[in-house]
C-alpha atoms as a PDB file:
ATOM      1  CA  MET A   1      81.251 116.146 103.467  1.00  0.00           C
ATOM      2  CA  SER A   2      79.811 112.678 103.801  1.00  0.00           C
ATOM      3  CA  LYS A   3      80.452 111.301 100.363  1.00  0.00           C
ATOM      4  CA  LEU A   4      82.997 112.019  97.656  1.00  0.00           C
ATOM      5  CA  PRO A   5      81.125 113.267  94.562  1.00  0.00           C
ATOM      6  CA  GLU A   6      81.616 110.993  91.518  1.00  0.00           C
ATOM      7  CA  GLU A   7      82.652 113.925  89.359  1.00  0.00           C
ATOM      8  CA  ALA A   8      85.246 114.968  91.884  1.00  0.00           C
ATOM      9  CA  LEU A   9      86.705 111.442  91.842  1.00  0.00           C
ATOM     10  CA  ARG A  10      86.861 111.558  88.031  1.00  0.00           C
ATOM     11  CA  ARG A  11      88.623 114.968  88.125  1.00  0.00           C
ATOM     12  CA  LEU A  12      91.061 113.640  90.785  1.00  0.00           C
ATOM     13  CA  GLU A  13      91.856 110.534  88.737  1.00  0.00           C
ATOM     14  CA  ARG A  14      92.525 112.649  85.574  1.00  0.00           C
ATOM     15  CA  ARG A  15      94.854 114.951  87.533  1.00  0.00           C
ATOM     16  CA  LEU A  16      96.745 112.161  89.156  1.00  0.00           C
ATOM     17  CA  ARG A  17      97.113 110.137  85.955  1.00  0.00           C
ATOM     18  CA  ALA A  18      98.397 113.256  84.102  1.00  0.00           C
ATOM     19  CA  HIS A  19     100.859 113.995  86.950  1.00  0.00           C
ATOM     20  CA  VAL A  20     102.187 110.461  87.052  1.00  0.00           C
ATOM     21  CA  LYS A  21     102.576 110.408  83.206  1.00  0.00           C
ATOM     22  CA  LYS A  22     104.455 113.699  83.296  1.00  0.00           C
ATOM     23  CA  ASN A  23     106.649 113.258  86.364  1.00  0.00           C
ATOM     24  CA  TRP A  24     106.705 109.606  87.433  1.00  0.00           C
ATOM     25  CA  SER A  25     106.310 107.499  84.259  1.00  0.00           C
ATOM     26  CA  ASP A  26     109.712 105.882  84.807  1.00  0.00           C
ATOM     27  CA  LYS A  27     108.795 104.872  88.401  1.00  0.00           C
ATOM     28  CA  VAL A  28     105.076 104.021  88.349  1.00  0.00           C
ATOM     29  CA  LYS A  29     103.770 101.002  86.371  1.00  0.00           C
ATOM     30  CA  SER A  30     100.088 101.431  87.234  1.00  0.00           C
ATOM     31  CA  LEU A  31      97.815 103.573  89.322  1.00  0.00           C
ATOM     32  CA  SER A  32      94.290 102.983  90.586  1.00  0.00           C
ATOM     33  CA  LEU A  33      91.806 104.955  92.711  1.00  0.00           C
ATOM     34  CA  ARG A  34      88.757 103.896  94.575  1.00  0.00           C
ATOM     35  CA  ALA A  35      86.246 105.783  96.656  1.00  0.00           C
ATOM     36  CA  ARG A  36      84.601 105.009  99.976  1.00  0.00           C
ATOM     37  CA  GLY A  37      82.616 107.692 101.781  1.00  0.00           C
ATOM     38  CA  ALA A  38      84.508 111.005 101.616  1.00  0.00           C
ATOM     39  CA  PHE A  39      87.758 109.228 100.890  1.00  0.00           C
ATOM     40  CA  ALA A  40      89.721 108.450  97.735  1.00  0.00           C
ATOM     41  CA  TYR A  41      92.221 105.652  98.140  1.00  0.00           C
ATOM     42  CA  VAL A  42      95.256 105.679  95.831  1.00  0.00           C
ATOM     43  CA  ASP A  43      97.205 102.460  95.006  1.00  0.00           C
ATOM     44  CA  ALA A  44     100.241 102.189  92.742  1.00  0.00           C
ATOM     45  CA  GLU A  45     102.583  99.639  91.430  1.00  0.00           C
ATOM     46  CA  ILE A  46     106.122 101.037  91.613  1.00  0.00           C
ATOM     47  CA  VAL A  47     108.958 100.018  89.370  1.00  0.00           C
ATOM     48  CA  ARG A  48     111.457  98.319  91.672  1.00  0.00           C
ATOM     49  CA  PRO A  49     115.150  98.027  90.819  1.00  0.00           C
ATOM     50  CA  LYS A  50     116.525  94.526  90.231  1.00  0.00           C
ATOM     51  CA  SER A  51     117.442  92.934  93.557  1.00  0.00           C
ATOM     52  CA  LEU A  52     121.033  92.098  94.309  1.00  0.00           C
ATOM     53  CA  PHE A  53     119.944  89.361  96.674  1.00  0.00           C
ATOM     54  CA  PRO A  54     118.551  86.038  95.565  1.00  0.00           C
ATOM     55  CA  GLY A  55     115.101  85.288  97.032  1.00  0.00           C
ATOM     56  CA  ASP A  56     114.035  88.892  97.383  1.00  0.00           C
ATOM     57  CA  GLN A  57     110.414  89.627  96.460  1.00  0.00           C
ATOM     58  CA  GLU A  58     109.775  90.512  92.895  1.00  0.00           C
ATOM     59  CA  ASP A  59     107.142  93.040  91.910  1.00  0.00           C
ATOM     60  CA  GLU A  60     104.129  92.666  94.221  1.00  0.00           C
ATOM     61  CA  GLY A  61     101.574  94.494  92.171  1.00  0.00           C
ATOM     62  CA  GLU A  62      99.681  97.563  93.237  1.00  0.00           C
ATOM     63  CA  GLN A  63     100.194  98.512  96.905  1.00  0.00           C
ATOM     64  CA  PRO A  64      98.338 101.205  98.954  1.00  0.00           C
ATOM     65  CA  MET A  65     100.078 104.592  98.905  1.00  0.00           C
ATOM     66  CA  PHE A  66      97.769 107.085 100.447  1.00  0.00           C
ATOM     67  CA  ARG A  67      94.291 108.291 101.155  1.00  0.00           C
ATOM     68  CA  LEU A  68      92.680 111.671 100.385  1.00  0.00           C
ATOM     69  CA  ARG A  69      89.706 113.140 102.095  1.00  0.00           C
ATOM     70  CA  TYR A  70      87.626 115.371  99.930  1.00  0.00           C
ATOM     71  CA  LEU A  71      87.155 118.748 101.622  1.00  0.00           C
ATOM     72  CA  GLY A  72      84.828 120.290  98.976  1.00  0.00           C
ATOM     73  CA  SER A  73      87.632 121.699  96.785  1.00  0.00           C
ATOM     74  CA  ASP A  74      89.690 120.094  94.022  1.00  0.00           C
ATOM     75  CA  GLU A  75      92.813 121.963  95.401  1.00  0.00           C
ATOM     76  CA  GLU A  76      92.595 120.977  99.056  1.00  0.00           C
ATOM     77  CA  TRP A  77      92.548 117.305 100.050  1.00  0.00           C
ATOM     78  CA  GLU A  78      93.388 115.952 103.489  1.00  0.00           C
ATOM     79  CA  PHE A  79      96.423 113.662 103.199  1.00  0.00           C
ATOM     80  CA  ALA A  80      96.993 110.366 105.007  1.00  0.00           C
ATOM     81  CA  PHE A  81      99.951 108.166 104.127  1.00  0.00           C
ATOM     82  CA  PHE A  82      99.735 104.453 104.111  1.00  0.00           C
ATOM     83  CA  SER A  83     102.055 102.771 106.675  1.00  0.00           C
ATOM     84  CA  TRP A  84     102.905  99.115 107.101  1.00  0.00           C
ATOM     85  CA  SER A  85     104.118  99.891 110.634  1.00  0.00           C
ATOM     86  CA  ARG A  86     100.532  99.791 111.911  1.00  0.00           C
ATOM     87  CA  GLY A  87     100.485  95.985 112.009  1.00  0.00           C
ATOM     88  CA  SER A  88     100.266  93.154 109.600  1.00  0.00           C
ATOM     89  CA  SER A  89      97.660  94.821 107.454  1.00  0.00           C
ATOM     90  CA  GLY A  90      98.970  98.337 107.704  1.00  0.00           C
ATOM     91  CA  GLY A  91      96.841 101.509 107.946  1.00  0.00           C
ATOM     92  CA  TYR A  92      96.565 105.145 107.053  1.00  0.00           C
ATOM     93  CA  GLU A  93      98.026 107.873 109.197  1.00  0.00           C
ATOM     94  CA  LEU A  94      97.181 111.527 108.861  1.00  0.00           C
ATOM     95  CA  SER A  95     100.328 113.165 107.510  1.00  0.00           C
ATOM     96  CA  TYR A  96     101.846 116.390 106.546  1.00  0.00           C
ATOM     97  CA  LEU A  97     103.055 117.455 103.137  1.00  0.00           C
ATOM     98  CA  SER A  98     106.580 118.763 102.544  1.00  0.00           C
ATOM     99  CA  ASN A  99     105.313 122.316 103.112  1.00  0.00           C
ATOM    100  CA  GLY A 100     104.122 121.336 106.629  1.00  0.00           C
ATOM    101  CA  GLN A 101     100.389 121.441 105.806  1.00  0.00           C
ATOM    102  CA  PRO A 102      98.016 118.498 106.261  1.00  0.00           C
ATOM    103  CA  VAL A 103      96.027 119.474 103.122  1.00  0.00           C
ATOM    104  CA  GLY A 104      97.070 120.289  99.642  1.00  0.00           C
ATOM    105  CA  PRO A 105      96.530 119.527  95.955  1.00  0.00           C
ATOM    106  CA  PRO A 106      96.444 115.903  94.919  1.00  0.00           C
ATOM    107  CA  GLU A 107      99.698 116.178  92.869  1.00  0.00           C
ATOM    108  CA  GLU A 108     101.642 117.340  95.944  1.00  0.00           C
ATOM    109  CA  CYS A 109     100.109 114.560  97.969  1.00  0.00           C
ATOM    110  CA  PHE A 110     101.238 112.013  95.430  1.00  0.00           C
ATOM    111  CA  ASP A 111     104.773 113.425  95.360  1.00  0.00           C
ATOM    112  CA  CYS A 112     104.966 113.283  99.183  1.00  0.00           C
ATOM    113  CA  ALA A 113     103.837 109.662  99.238  1.00  0.00           C
ATOM    114  CA  ALA A 114     106.092 108.575  96.379  1.00  0.00           C
ATOM    115  CA  PHE A 115     109.160 110.547  97.563  1.00  0.00           C
ATOM    116  CA  PRO A 116     111.086 107.332  98.630  1.00  0.00           C
ATOM    117  CA  TRP A 117     111.070 106.161  94.952  1.00  0.00           C
ATOM    118  CA  ARG A 118     112.308 109.499  93.515  1.00  0.00           C
END
């Protein structure tokens, strides 16, 4: 698949927004998606607890969370987690979902990427 179909991106965005509203509304301030080639990039602004330490960074706005590769099905997307450990600008690393699979539905991919904020 060379390019993510526009309709697939719209369906993906609807599904993720509904999932966030239902399960993550207390943790996610905003969500955005963008497409490039066969990929959909998902960014989110996470609600951060008040810092106990003066000088800590306040909310930083939306940050990259993960990337999905469209495989031709709305139920199976290849999952790549965004990691800052790949240098100063970070990068995406192919990852596995909690069930051990590298592909899955977008809601499961979101839950896996957002797990640290649960």
